[in-house]
Amino acid sequence: MEHKETNFVRDESSGSVREESTVVNDTGVAPVREASIVKSSTPARRAMEVIYLVFGIIDGLLLIRLFLKLLGANPHAGFASFTYGVTDFFLAPFRGLLPTYVSGQSVFELSLVFAILIYSLIALALVRLVAITLSRNVTVSQQSRSEGFKPHTD
């Protein structure tokens, strides 16, 4: 007889949380236990995900602003007004750095493209810094097999 058990295990010393999937085989005299780690998460990985999320939102809003300006959107419309208001803060350090091209109602802000590139590079640099300072050498995938399994007690 074979059945599968799934447990979430937290390592207090490293702060990592992992999901363990275990298959127990009762094939005769002694039960056989096979275990494998399915997923592992560390504080460093969570920090990197948060950095990517924050800078992804910033870059996404800046891209929306770029397309609204290129398409000549009405700046008094609710969505465009909101987007311009939020992104003005992130665009402030780059304003006037590079030329802006106007053709009819369409506006191409070269500073906006530069800002998107710089924010992406900052995100990559922060993620690498977190990876270097907080990451530990952790086994992500492990399989074991034991004969004559005895139940584990905490």
Protein backbone atom coordinates (compact mmCIF):
# COMPACT_ATOMS: atom_id res chain seq x y z
CA MET A 1 0.00 0.00 0.00
CA GLU A 2 1.28 3.46 -0.86
CA HIS A 3 0.17 6.88 0.41
CA LYS A 4 1.49 10.43 0.09
CA GLU A 5 1.99 12.91 2.93
CA THR A 6 2.72 16.64 2.54
CA ASN A 7 4.15 18.74 5.38
CA PHE A 8 5.40 22.31 5.72
CA VAL A 9 8.64 22.46 7.70
CA ARG A 10 10.22 25.65 9.07
CA ASP A 11 13.92 25.72 9.91
CA GLU A 12 14.18 28.18 12.82
CA SER A 13 17.94 28.71 12.46
CA SER A 14 17.86 29.78 8.79
CA GLY A 15 14.28 31.07 8.63
CA SER A 16 13.51 28.96 5.58
CA VAL A 17 10.17 27.28 4.98
CA ARG A 18 9.92 24.24 2.78
CA GLU A 19 7.19 21.92 1.61
CA GLU A 20 8.05 18.24 1.95
CA SER A 21 6.21 15.58 0.05
CA THR A 22 6.60 12.04 1.37
CA VAL A 23 5.54 8.75 -0.19
CA VAL A 24 5.31 5.79 2.20
CA ASN A 25 5.31 2.29 0.71
CA ASP A 26 4.22 -0.70 2.79
CA THR A 27 5.36 -3.52 0.50
CA GLY A 28 5.90 -6.53 2.66
CA VAL A 29 7.90 -6.78 5.86
CA ALA A 30 9.35 -3.29 6.37
CA PRO A 31 7.76 -0.04 5.19
CA VAL A 32 9.86 2.08 2.81
CA ARG A 33 9.79 5.86 3.07
CA GLU A 34 10.78 8.13 0.17
CA ALA A 35 10.93 11.89 0.76
CA SER A 36 11.65 14.83 -1.48
CA ILE A 37 11.64 18.58 -0.88
CA VAL A 38 9.22 20.20 -3.27
CA LYS A 39 9.67 23.91 -2.56
CA SER A 40 11.99 25.97 -0.39
CA SER A 41 11.73 29.63 0.54
CA THR A 42 14.21 31.83 2.40
CA PRO A 43 14.05 35.41 3.69
CA ALA A 44 16.56 36.46 1.00
CA ARG A 45 14.32 35.08 -1.72
CA ARG A 46 11.30 36.89 -0.29
CA ALA A 47 13.28 40.15 -0.16
CA MET A 48 14.29 39.72 -3.81
CA GLU A 49 10.68 39.06 -4.80
CA VAL A 50 9.55 42.24 -2.99
CA ILE A 51 12.25 44.31 -4.75
CA TYR A 52 11.19 42.95 -8.15
CA LEU A 53 7.54 43.63 -7.31
CA VAL A 54 8.09 47.25 -6.21
CA PHE A 55 10.33 48.17 -9.13
CA GLY A 56 8.10 46.25 -11.54
CA ILE A 57 5.14 48.38 -10.46
CA ILE A 58 7.21 51.57 -10.85
CA ASP A 59 8.40 50.54 -14.33
CA GLY A 60 4.88 49.47 -15.29
CA LEU A 61 3.42 52.84 -14.30
CA LEU A 62 6.18 54.64 -16.20
CA LEU A 63 5.47 52.51 -19.28
CA ILE A 64 1.76 53.35 -19.05
CA ARG A 65 2.70 57.04 -18.88
CA LEU A 66 4.94 56.63 -21.94
CA PHE A 67 2.13 55.06 -23.98
CA LEU A 68 -0.45 57.60 -22.82
CA LYS A 69 1.87 60.45 -23.84
CA LEU A 70 2.69 58.81 -27.19
CA LEU A 71 -0.99 58.27 -27.96
CA GLY A 72 -1.87 61.85 -26.97
CA ALA A 73 -4.25 60.91 -24.14
CA ASN A 74 -6.33 63.66 -22.57
CA PRO A 75 -4.39 64.71 -19.43
CA HIS A 76 -7.67 65.74 -17.74
CA ALA A 77 -9.18 62.24 -18.00
CA GLY A 78 -9.26 60.41 -14.67
CA PHE A 79 -6.92 57.53 -15.51
CA ALA A 80 -4.37 59.70 -17.31
CA SER A 81 -4.46 62.31 -14.54
CA PHE A 82 -3.91 59.63 -11.88
CA THR A 83 -1.06 58.01 -13.83
CA TYR A 84 0.67 61.35 -14.47
CA GLY A 85 0.31 62.34 -10.81
CA VAL A 86 1.80 59.10 -9.48
CA THR A 87 4.63 58.95 -12.00
CA ASP A 88 5.64 62.61 -11.63
CA PHE A 89 7.35 61.68 -8.35
CA PHE A 90 9.40 58.92 -9.99
CA LEU A 91 10.20 61.02 -13.05
CA ALA A 92 11.31 64.10 -11.06
CA PRO A 93 15.05 63.22 -10.87
CA PHE A 94 15.15 62.76 -14.66
CA ARG A 95 13.03 65.73 -15.76
CA GLY A 96 14.81 67.90 -18.29
CA LEU A 97 17.73 65.50 -18.58
CA LEU A 98 17.00 64.57 -22.19
CA PRO A 99 14.92 66.27 -24.89
CA THR A 100 11.17 65.86 -25.30
CA TYR A 101 9.75 65.52 -28.83
CA VAL A 102 6.26 66.83 -29.60
CA SER A 103 4.35 65.99 -32.79
CA GLY A 104 0.74 67.18 -32.74
CA GLN A 105 -0.77 65.77 -29.54
CA SER A 106 1.78 62.97 -29.31
CA VAL A 107 4.66 63.54 -26.86
CA PHE A 108 7.81 61.42 -26.61
CA GLU A 109 9.72 62.01 -23.36
CA LEU A 110 13.19 60.56 -23.79
CA SER A 111 13.81 61.17 -20.07
CA LEU A 112 10.97 58.74 -19.36
CA VAL A 113 12.67 55.94 -21.31
CA PHE A 114 15.92 56.68 -19.46
CA ALA A 115 14.09 56.59 -16.10
CA ILE A 116 12.60 53.16 -16.90
CA LEU A 117 16.08 51.86 -17.73
CA ILE A 118 17.64 53.32 -14.57
CA TYR A 119 14.90 51.95 -12.27
CA SER A 120 15.35 48.51 -13.84
CA LEU A 121 19.11 48.66 -13.24
CA ILE A 122 18.57 49.78 -9.63
CA ALA A 123 16.25 46.80 -9.08
CA LEU A 124 18.83 44.39 -10.49
CA ALA A 125 21.59 45.91 -8.35
CA LEU A 126 19.47 45.69 -5.17
CA VAL A 127 18.54 42.08 -5.88
CA ARG A 128 22.19 41.15 -6.40
CA LEU A 129 23.12 42.97 -3.17
CA VAL A 130 20.45 41.05 -1.24
CA ALA A 131 21.54 37.78 -2.85
CA ILE A 132 25.16 38.38 -1.89
CA THR A 133 24.50 39.50 1.68
CA LEU A 134 21.54 37.35 2.76
CA SER A 135 21.63 34.15 0.74
CA ARG A 136 22.91 30.97 2.26
CA ASN A 137 23.87 27.74 0.61
CA VAL A 138 20.58 25.83 0.95
CA THR A 139 19.68 22.48 -0.56
CA VAL A 140 16.60 23.00 -2.70
CA SER A 141 16.00 19.44 -3.85
CA GLN A 142 16.77 16.36 -1.80
CA GLN A 143 15.61 12.78 -1.98
CA SER A 144 16.06 10.10 0.62
CA ARG A 145 15.03 6.51 1.02
CA SER A 146 15.00 4.64 4.28
CA GLU A 147 14.15 1.04 5.04
CA GLY A 148 12.34 0.11 8.25
CA PHE A 149 10.83 3.56 8.76
CA LYS A 150 10.05 4.57 12.31
CA PRO A 151 7.55 7.41 12.83
CA HIS A 152 9.11 10.80 13.49
CA THR A 153 8.09 12.40 16.80
CA ASP A 154 8.58 16.08 17.63
